[in-house]
Protein backbone atom coordinates (compact mmCIF):
# COMPACT_ATOMS: atom_id res chain seq x y z
CA UNK A 1 -9.54 79.48 10.11
CA UNK A 2 -7.13 77.57 7.89
CA UNK A 3 -5.05 80.72 7.22
CA UNK A 4 -4.80 81.39 10.96
CA UNK A 5 -3.59 77.84 11.56
CA UNK A 6 -0.90 78.11 8.88
CA UNK A 7 0.10 81.57 10.21
CA UNK A 8 0.50 80.21 13.71
CA UNK A 9 2.51 77.28 12.37
CA UNK A 10 4.75 79.61 10.34
CA UNK A 11 5.26 81.83 13.40
CA UNK A 12 6.25 78.79 15.50
CA UNK A 13 8.70 77.48 12.89
CA UNK A 14 10.15 80.87 11.95
CA UNK A 15 13.01 80.67 14.45
CA UNK A 16 14.22 77.32 13.12
CA UNK A 17 13.19 77.75 9.51
CA UNK A 18 13.10 81.46 8.56
CA UNK A 19 11.18 82.45 5.49
CA UNK A 20 13.19 82.06 2.27
CA UNK A 21 12.69 83.62 -1.15
CA UNK A 22 13.54 81.95 -4.44
CA UNK A 23 14.21 84.58 -7.18
CA UNK A 24 13.43 83.73 -10.82
CA UNK A 25 14.92 86.18 -13.30
CA UNK A 26 13.69 86.45 -16.91
CA UNK A 27 13.66 88.97 -19.81
CA UNK A 28 10.40 90.44 -18.61
CA UNK A 29 11.58 90.97 -15.08
CA UNK A 30 12.46 89.33 -11.83
CA UNK A 31 10.02 87.31 -9.80
CA UNK A 32 10.38 85.44 -6.55
CA UNK A 33 8.67 82.61 -4.78
CA UNK A 34 8.19 82.78 -1.02
CA UNK A 35 9.11 79.59 0.86
CA UNK A 36 7.19 79.74 4.09
CA UNK A 37 8.47 77.83 7.17
CA UNK A 38 5.55 75.38 6.92
CA UNK A 39 6.37 74.63 3.28
CA UNK A 40 10.04 74.11 4.13
CA UNK A 41 9.07 71.80 6.98
CA UNK A 42 6.79 69.82 4.64
CA UNK A 43 9.56 69.43 2.07
CA UNK A 44 12.02 68.34 4.76
CA UNK A 45 9.59 65.82 6.23
CA UNK A 46 8.74 64.46 2.77
CA UNK A 47 12.42 63.99 1.93
CA UNK A 48 13.00 62.30 5.29
CA UNK A 49 10.03 59.95 4.70
CA UNK A 50 11.34 59.04 1.25
CA UNK A 51 14.81 58.41 2.69
CA UNK A 52 13.39 56.20 5.48
CA UNK A 53 11.25 54.24 3.04
CA UNK A 54 14.27 53.71 0.77
CA UNK A 55 16.34 52.54 3.74
CA UNK A 56 13.68 50.11 4.94
CA UNK A 57 13.13 48.65 1.45
CA UNK A 58 16.87 48.28 0.92
CA UNK A 59 17.27 46.54 4.29
CA UNK A 60 14.41 44.13 3.54
CA UNK A 61 15.88 43.36 0.12
CA UNK A 62 19.33 42.71 1.62
CA UNK A 63 17.88 40.47 4.34
CA UNK A 64 15.88 38.50 1.77
CA UNK A 65 18.97 38.12 -0.41
CA UNK A 66 21.06 36.92 2.55
CA UNK A 67 18.37 34.45 3.68
CA UNK A 68 17.98 33.14 0.10
CA UNK A 69 21.74 32.62 -0.09
CA UNK A 70 21.71 30.74 3.23
CA UNK A 71 18.79 28.59 2.03
CA UNK A 72 20.63 27.73 -1.18
CA UNK A 73 23.77 26.87 0.75
CA UNK A 74 21.74 24.74 3.15
CA UNK A 75 20.06 22.96 0.22
CA UNK A 76 23.44 22.36 -1.41
CA UNK A 77 24.84 20.97 1.85
CA UNK A 78 21.80 18.68 2.29
CA UNK A 79 22.10 17.56 -1.34
CA UNK A 80 25.80 16.78 -0.86
CA UNK A 81 25.01 14.83 2.32
CA UNK A 82 22.22 12.93 0.54
CA UNK A 83 24.47 12.09 -2.42
CA UNK A 84 27.18 10.88 -0.03
CA UNK A 85 24.57 8.74 1.71
CA UNK A 86 23.46 7.34 -1.65
CA UNK A 87 27.07 6.48 -2.51
CA UNK A 88 27.49 4.77 0.86
CA UNK A 89 24.25 2.83 0.33
CA UNK A 90 25.45 1.81 -3.14
CA UNK A 91 28.73 0.50 -1.71
CA UNK A 92 26.84 -1.30 1.05
CA UNK A 93 24.49 -2.75 -1.56
CA UNK A 94 27.45 -4.14 -3.52
CA UNK A 95 28.92 -5.67 -0.35
CA UNK A 96 25.57 -7.25 0.53
CA UNK A 97 25.25 -8.60 -3.02
CA UNK A 98 28.68 -10.25 -2.73
CA UNK A 99 27.76 -11.71 0.67
CA UNK A 100 24.41 -12.94 -0.66
CA UNK A 101 26.12 -14.60 -3.64
CA UNK A 102 28.62 -16.32 -1.35
CA UNK A 103 25.79 -17.39 0.99
CA UNK A 104 23.84 -18.84 -1.93
CA UNK A 105 26.88 -20.81 -3.08
CA UNK A 106 27.40 -22.15 0.46
CA UNK A 107 23.70 -22.96 0.65
CA UNK A 108 23.70 -25.02 -2.56
CA UNK A 109 26.90 -26.83 -1.50
CA UNK A 110 25.34 -27.67 1.85
CA UNK A 111 22.16 -28.81 0.09
CA UNK A 112 24.18 -31.21 -2.06
CA UNK A 113 25.93 -32.52 1.06
CA UNK A 114 22.55 -33.07 2.72
CA UNK A 115 21.35 -35.00 -0.32
CA UNK A 116 24.45 -37.21 -0.31
CA UNK A 117 24.25 -37.77 3.45
CA UNK A 118 20.53 -38.54 3.22
CA UNK A 119 21.26 -41.20 0.60
CA UNK A 120 24.07 -42.57 2.76
CA UNK A 121 21.77 -42.56 5.78
CA UNK A 122 19.09 -44.51 3.92
CA UNK A 123 21.68 -47.05 2.68
CA UNK A 124 23.07 -47.40 6.22
CA UNK A 125 19.55 -47.88 7.57
CA UNK A 126 18.87 -50.67 5.04
CA UNK A 127 22.19 -52.36 5.86
CA UNK A 128 21.48 -52.17 9.58
CA UNK A 129 18.05 -53.75 9.07
CA UNK A 130 19.64 -56.57 7.06
CA UNK A 131 22.30 -57.15 9.72
CA UNK A 132 19.74 -57.19 12.52
CA UNK A 133 17.66 -59.71 10.53
CA UNK A 134 20.77 -61.88 9.94
CA UNK A 135 21.69 -61.73 13.64
CA UNK A 136 18.18 -62.85 14.63
CA UNK A 137 18.35 -65.83 12.19
CA UNK A 138 21.81 -66.79 13.48
CA UNK A 139 20.68 -66.59 17.10
CA UNK A 140 17.59 -68.74 16.34
CA UNK A 141 19.71 -71.37 14.55
CA UNK A 142 22.26 -71.30 17.38
CA UNK A 143 19.60 -71.88 20.03
CA UNK A 144 18.10 -74.77 18.05
CA UNK A 145 21.55 -76.34 17.50
CA UNK A 146 22.46 -76.05 21.17
CA UNK A 147 19.14 -77.65 22.12
CA UNK A 148 19.78 -80.58 19.74
CA UNK A 149 23.33 -80.92 21.09
CA UNK A 150 22.11 -81.08 24.70
CA UNK A 151 19.52 -83.73 23.78
CA UNK A 152 22.20 -85.83 22.00
CA UNK A 153 24.52 -85.55 25.01
CA UNK A 154 21.75 -86.76 27.35
CA UNK A 155 21.01 -89.74 25.14
CA UNK A 156 24.78 -90.54 24.87
CA UNK A 157 25.12 -90.45 28.65
CA UNK A 158 22.21 -92.92 29.02
CA UNK A 159 23.64 -95.36 26.47
CA UNK A 160 27.15 -95.14 27.97
CA UNK A 161 25.80 -95.92 31.43
CA UNK A 162 23.98 -98.96 30.07
CA UNK A 163 27.15 -100.26 28.31
CA UNK A 164 29.22 -99.90 31.48
CA UNK A 165 26.71 -101.86 33.60
CA UNK A 166 28.82 -105.11 33.37
CA UNK A 167 26.90 -108.32 34.34
CA UNK A 168 23.61 -106.75 33.90
CA UNK A 169 20.77 -109.30 33.75
CA UNK A 170 19.26 -107.26 30.97
CA UNK A 171 21.32 -108.92 28.23
CA UNK A 172 19.01 -107.99 25.39
CA UNK A 173 19.44 -104.32 26.38
CA UNK A 174 23.23 -104.76 26.27
CA UNK A 175 23.04 -106.35 22.85
CA UNK A 176 20.92 -103.49 21.64
CA UNK A 177 23.44 -101.02 23.06
CA UNK A 178 26.31 -102.70 21.23
CA UNK A 179 24.35 -102.60 18.04
CA UNK A 180 24.10 -98.86 18.48
CA UNK A 181 27.89 -98.28 18.65
CA UNK A 182 27.85 -97.03 15.12
CA UNK A 183 25.03 -94.66 15.92
CA UNK A 184 26.92 -93.30 18.93
CA UNK A 185 30.02 -92.71 16.85
CA UNK A 186 27.92 -90.93 14.26
CA UNK A 187 26.28 -88.81 16.92
CA UNK A 188 29.64 -87.96 18.44
CA UNK A 189 30.95 -86.78 15.06
CA UNK A 190 27.76 -84.81 14.49
CA UNK A 191 28.10 -83.21 17.91
CA UNK A 192 31.68 -82.23 17.21
CA UNK A 193 30.66 -80.72 13.89
CA UNK A 194 27.73 -78.98 15.57
CA UNK A 195 30.06 -77.61 18.26
CA UNK A 196 32.41 -76.28 15.56
CA UNK A 197 29.48 -74.71 13.72
CA UNK A 198 28.25 -73.27 17.00
CA UNK A 199 31.65 -71.70 17.67
CA UNK A 200 31.72 -70.32 14.13
CA UNK A 201 28.19 -68.98 14.56
CA UNK A 202 29.21 -67.35 17.84
CA UNK A 203 32.18 -65.71 16.11
CA UNK A 204 29.93 -64.57 13.23
CA UNK A 205 27.40 -63.27 15.73
CA UNK A 206 30.12 -61.34 17.57
CA UNK A 207 31.37 -59.95 14.26
CA UNK A 208 27.83 -58.93 13.40
CA UNK A 209 27.42 -57.28 16.82
CA UNK A 210 30.72 -55.41 16.32
CA UNK A 211 29.61 -54.34 12.83
CA UNK A 212 26.29 -53.18 14.25
CA UNK A 213 28.09 -51.16 16.92
CA UNK A 214 30.33 -49.62 14.25
CA UNK A 215 27.28 -48.89 12.16
CA UNK A 216 25.54 -47.27 15.13
CA UNK A 217 28.63 -45.11 15.69
CA UNK A 218 28.65 -44.16 12.01
CA UNK A 219 24.95 -43.31 12.20
CA UNK A 220 25.60 -41.17 15.27
CA UNK A 221 28.37 -39.32 13.43
CA UNK A 222 26.03 -38.82 10.46
CA UNK A 223 23.33 -37.55 12.81
CA UNK A 224 25.79 -35.05 14.31
CA UNK A 225 26.87 -33.87 10.86
CA UNK A 226 23.24 -33.67 9.78
CA UNK A 227 22.47 -31.60 12.86
CA UNK A 228 25.24 -29.13 12.02
CA UNK A 229 24.20 -28.93 8.36
CA UNK A 230 20.52 -28.51 9.24
CA UNK A 231 21.38 -25.77 11.73
CA UNK A 232 23.45 -23.87 9.18
CA UNK A 233 20.80 -24.27 6.50
CA UNK A 234 18.06 -23.11 8.86
CA UNK A 235 20.13 -20.04 9.74
CA UNK A 236 20.80 -19.36 6.04
CA UNK A 237 17.09 -19.72 5.24
CA UNK A 238 16.19 -17.34 8.07
CA UNK A 239 18.75 -14.79 6.87
CA UNK A 240 17.40 -15.06 3.31
CA UNK A 241 13.72 -14.88 4.29
CA UNK A 242 13.87 -11.87 6.62
CA UNK A 243 14.99 -9.22 4.06
CA UNK A 244 12.52 -10.52 1.46
CA UNK A 245 9.61 -10.40 3.92
CA UNK A 246 10.78 -7.00 5.18
CA UNK A 247 10.93 -5.66 1.61
CA UNK A 248 7.27 -6.40 0.88
CA UNK A 249 6.06 -5.29 4.31
CA UNK A 250 7.95 -1.98 3.94
CA UNK A 251 6.18 -1.46 0.61
CA UNK A 252 2.80 -2.07 2.29
CA UNK A 253 2.19 -5.37 0.49
CA UNK A 254 0.69 -8.35 2.45
CA UNK A 255 3.22 -11.14 2.05
CA UNK A 256 0.86 -14.09 2.52
CA UNK A 257 -1.58 -12.95 -0.17
CA UNK A 258 1.36 -12.29 -2.52
CA UNK A 259 2.72 -15.79 -1.94
CA UNK A 260 -0.72 -17.31 -2.52
CA UNK A 261 -1.02 -15.43 -5.81
CA UNK A 262 2.45 -16.56 -6.94
CA UNK A 263 1.69 -20.15 -5.89
CA UNK A 264 -1.52 -20.11 -7.95
CA UNK A 265 0.41 -18.90 -10.99
CA UNK A 266 3.13 -21.56 -10.60
CA UNK A 267 1.17 -24.68 -9.62
CA UNK A 268 1.25 -26.85 -12.76
CA UNK A 269 1.71 -30.63 -12.35
CA UNK A 270 1.41 -33.66 -14.63
CA UNK A 271 3.09 -36.63 -16.30
CA UNK A 272 2.17 -39.97 -17.92
CA UNK A 273 -0.02 -42.39 -15.97
CA UNK A 274 2.18 -45.34 -14.97
CA UNK A 275 0.98 -48.67 -13.46
CA UNK A 276 1.01 -48.88 -9.68
CA UNK A 277 3.98 -50.69 -8.11
CA UNK A 278 4.45 -52.18 -4.66
CA UNK A 279 7.74 -52.52 -2.83
CA UNK A 280 8.62 -55.87 -1.25
CA UNK A 281 11.86 -54.71 0.33
CA UNK A 282 10.14 -54.24 3.67
CA UNK A 283 11.36 -50.66 3.97
CA UNK A 284 9.05 -47.90 5.07
CA UNK A 285 8.95 -44.16 4.97
CA UNK A 286 11.41 -42.56 7.36
CA UNK A 287 9.57 -40.19 9.65
CA UNK A 288 12.33 -39.39 12.12
CA UNK A 289 13.34 -35.97 13.40
CA UNK A 290 15.86 -35.39 10.59
CA UNK A 291 13.26 -36.08 7.92
CA UNK A 292 10.82 -33.72 9.63
CA UNK A 293 13.43 -30.97 9.71
CA UNK A 294 14.37 -31.65 6.09
CA UNK A 295 10.73 -31.40 5.00
CA UNK A 296 10.33 -28.15 6.95
CA UNK A 297 13.52 -26.83 5.37
CA UNK A 298 12.26 -27.72 1.90
CA UNK A 299 9.06 -25.80 2.62
CA UNK A 300 11.10 -22.76 3.69
CA UNK A 301 13.19 -23.06 0.51
CA UNK A 302 9.99 -23.15 -1.52
CA UNK A 303 8.86 -20.02 0.36
CA UNK A 304 12.14 -18.29 -0.54
CA UNK A 305 11.65 -19.27 -4.17
CA UNK A 306 8.11 -17.84 -4.12
CA UNK A 307 9.46 -14.62 -2.58
CA UNK A 308 12.08 -14.36 -5.32
CA UNK A 309 9.47 -14.89 -8.04
CA UNK A 310 7.37 -12.13 -6.45
CA UNK A 311 10.44 -9.87 -6.23
CA UNK A 312 11.15 -10.47 -9.92
CA UNK A 313 7.63 -9.19 -10.65
CA UNK A 314 8.10 -6.06 -8.47
CA UNK A 315 9.74 -2.75 -9.56
CA UNK A 316 12.98 -3.15 -7.59
CA UNK A 317 15.44 -1.92 -10.23
CA UNK A 318 16.49 1.62 -11.24
CA UNK A 319 14.64 3.27 -14.16
CA UNK A 320 17.79 5.15 -15.22
CA UNK A 321 21.44 4.17 -15.51
CA UNK A 322 24.69 5.96 -16.15
CA UNK A 323 25.13 9.57 -15.03
CA UNK A 324 22.19 11.27 -13.29
CA UNK A 325 21.31 13.34 -10.22
CA UNK A 326 18.62 12.62 -7.67
CA UNK A 327 16.89 16.02 -7.60
CA UNK A 328 13.64 15.53 -5.69
CA UNK A 329 12.43 12.87 -3.20
CA UNK A 330 8.96 11.47 -2.53
CA UNK A 331 6.69 13.50 -0.24
CA UNK A 332 5.78 17.10 0.44
CA UNK A 333 8.08 19.76 -1.05
CA UNK A 334 8.13 23.38 -2.19
CA UNK A 335 6.74 23.42 -5.72
CA UNK A 336 9.51 24.31 -8.26
CA UNK A 337 7.01 26.46 -10.17
CA UNK A 338 6.19 28.57 -7.10
CA UNK A 339 2.81 27.01 -6.27
CA UNK A 340 3.63 26.60 -2.57
CA UNK A 341 4.06 23.40 -0.58
CA UNK A 342 2.66 20.45 -2.55
CA UNK A 343 2.72 16.63 -2.48
CA UNK A 344 5.30 15.08 -4.83
CA UNK A 345 3.97 11.61 -5.76
CA UNK A 346 7.27 10.26 -7.14
CA UNK A 347 11.01 10.83 -7.36
CA UNK A 348 12.99 12.87 -9.92
CA UNK A 349 16.17 11.82 -11.69
CA UNK A 350 17.87 14.60 -13.68
CA UNK A 351 20.13 13.72 -16.61
CA UNK A 352 21.00 14.67 -20.15
CA UNK A 353 18.34 14.83 -22.83
CA UNK A 354 17.84 11.47 -24.56
CA UNK A 355 19.15 9.37 -21.65
CA UNK A 356 17.62 5.86 -21.82
CA UNK A 357 14.69 5.05 -19.52
CA UNK A 358 14.13 1.39 -18.61
CA UNK A 359 11.17 -0.61 -17.28
CA UNK A 360 11.73 -1.55 -13.64
CA UNK A 361 9.71 -4.81 -13.75
CA UNK A 362 7.80 -7.09 -16.12
CA UNK A 363 4.40 -5.77 -17.12
CA UNK A 364 2.00 -4.50 -19.81
CA UNK A 365 1.95 -0.92 -21.16
CA UNK A 366 -1.45 0.70 -20.41
CA UNK A 367 -0.66 4.28 -21.50
CA UNK A 368 1.89 5.69 -23.96
CA UNK A 369 1.19 9.30 -24.87
CA UNK A 370 0.59 12.83 -23.64
CA UNK A 371 -1.04 13.58 -20.28
CA UNK A 372 -1.46 17.01 -18.76
CA UNK A 373 1.29 17.87 -16.30
CA UNK A 374 3.18 14.64 -17.04
CA UNK A 375 3.99 15.47 -20.66
CA UNK A 376 4.85 12.35 -22.65
CA UNK A 377 3.96 9.60 -20.17
CA UNK A 378 4.35 5.80 -20.07
CA UNK A 379 2.27 3.71 -17.64
CA UNK A 380 3.07 0.02 -17.04
CA UNK A 381 0.79 -2.37 -15.12
CA UNK A 382 2.59 -5.04 -13.06
CA UNK A 383 1.53 -7.90 -10.81
CA UNK A 384 0.05 -7.48 -7.29
CA UNK A 385 -1.80 -4.25 -8.22
CA UNK A 386 1.40 -2.27 -8.87
CA UNK A 387 1.65 0.43 -11.56
CA UNK A 388 4.74 2.45 -12.56
CA UNK A 389 4.77 5.82 -14.34
CA UNK A 390 7.59 7.39 -16.38
CA UNK A 391 6.91 11.08 -17.14
CA UNK A 392 8.39 14.01 -19.18
CA UNK A 393 9.86 11.76 -21.90
CA UNK A 394 11.22 13.29 -25.08
CA UNK A 395 10.53 10.05 -27.01
CA UNK A 396 8.27 7.07 -26.21
CA UNK A 397 9.50 3.71 -27.54
CA UNK A 398 6.56 1.43 -26.57
CA UNK A 399 2.88 1.08 -27.49
CA UNK A 400 -0.26 0.44 -25.47
CA UNK A 401 -0.79 -3.30 -24.92
CA UNK A 402 2.89 -4.13 -25.43
CA UNK A 403 4.39 -6.55 -22.90
CA UNK A 404 7.75 -5.41 -21.57
CA UNK A 405 10.37 -7.05 -19.37
CA UNK A 406 12.58 -5.58 -16.69
CA UNK A 407 15.43 -3.67 -18.31
CA UNK A 408 13.63 -3.01 -21.63
CA UNK A 409 14.13 0.53 -22.94
CA UNK A 410 10.74 2.28 -22.98
CA UNK A 411 11.65 5.91 -23.65
CA UNK A 412 14.17 8.76 -23.63
CA UNK A 413 14.58 11.42 -20.95
CA UNK A 414 13.15 14.83 -21.84
CA UNK A 415 11.48 17.99 -20.55
CA UNK A 416 7.86 17.71 -21.75
CA UNK A 417 4.97 18.78 -19.56
CA UNK A 418 5.24 20.88 -16.40
CA UNK A 419 9.00 20.92 -15.71
CA UNK A 420 11.92 23.24 -15.01
CA UNK A 421 14.46 21.11 -16.87
CA UNK A 422 15.30 17.72 -18.35
CA UNK A 423 14.56 14.88 -15.92
CA UNK A 424 12.53 11.70 -15.31
CA UNK A 425 9.58 11.80 -12.91
CA UNK A 426 9.17 8.18 -11.72
CA UNK A 427 6.12 6.98 -9.75
CA UNK A 428 5.06 3.68 -8.18
CA UNK A 429 1.39 3.23 -7.31
CA UNK A 430 -0.03 0.36 -5.25
CA UNK A 431 -3.74 -0.18 -5.95
CA UNK A 432 -3.88 3.41 -7.21
CA UNK A 433 -2.16 4.98 -4.17
CA UNK A 434 1.30 6.56 -4.67
CA UNK A 435 4.06 4.95 -2.60
CA UNK A 436 7.73 5.83 -2.25
CA UNK A 437 9.61 4.23 -5.19
CA UNK A 438 12.85 4.26 -3.21
CA UNK A 439 11.34 1.65 -0.85
CA UNK A 440 11.36 -0.87 -3.69
CA UNK A 441 14.69 0.28 -5.15
CA UNK A 442 16.47 0.19 -1.77
CA UNK A 443 14.91 -3.19 -0.93
CA UNK A 444 16.06 -4.58 -4.26
CA UNK A 445 19.60 -3.39 -3.61
CA UNK A 446 19.63 -4.82 -0.08
CA UNK A 447 18.23 -8.21 -1.14
CA UNK A 448 19.81 -8.79 -4.53
């Protein structure tokens, strides 16, 4: 059955592929091999299959090479764009730092002006109270003097009428009136002196009224200046508070609990016990609108100071300086060792071997040694539940339990652990959860 099938196939292919003979000559004789049409067809089809397979494999290889080249070019373009963005952010950071420094200088100058104006306002208030008290005393004395003058005038009129009565039968009354001539003269002189004093008192009262009006005008001008200064200070405080609050919120840190923790750590008070004193000047505590605004402003300034203390305890600085490349961001990425798409819990800074690595905030070293995957690793515990990690070091320069400050050198850049080259793997963890370190670094550049 099989031979019939091959015979029929050979007969069908004989027109296109006639039978061929391959002669092999040797010393013993000549032999030949018959190449049937079916065998020739099989050889031809096998060669064609090999050629097609080679073509397909070559095409796939070329397409993969072209796509890999495009991916590398795209990655290089994205890296160049990212580096340009980093340079722009660095320039913007420097500009914001200059503006913040100028704003702080203006703020302290304005604060000094407020202090001087507050002292001037208190002195003006005391002077006004004294003038008002003096005016009241002068007015009381003037009213009493005028009343005495009117009474003396009435009595003088009565005595004068009695003296001018002529042949009055009341002779004893006339004699008594004449005996009072000296008294009348004395009263007249006293009245003239009282009138002069009254006129002087009126002039002094008018001068006091004019001085009070001038003082009121001065107080109004001071109030207007205080209003402008308070407005500018409130705006400056708002501008200073917003980026600080935004920094901690962007990092996922509750600002109120952070401020409470800082306030508990900086709440010391004390001093010698002095005897109690009482003021007899009659002054009281000023509780006007300006004082209320000033007290509110002082509270906001205290809040800014607490924010700055908290920022000083947070990892807002760069762990590396000098020349380096930002080679890998935080988040999911293609694993450099070919393990697929994986989560990258930190950021990578590539540089030369031995480049200094610095602590990004004050803290205590909790780990300084080898850890699988990280190589030579340094862990530092900071305030507010923050921990920073510095991996792949070539040399570790700190010990467990050592307290370090921001900017202290803790190690040298290397390539220990699971790496493809020399770099620093830098992590920030909040209560054990990895967060993007660039959030803190960018916030530190924007604020400081």
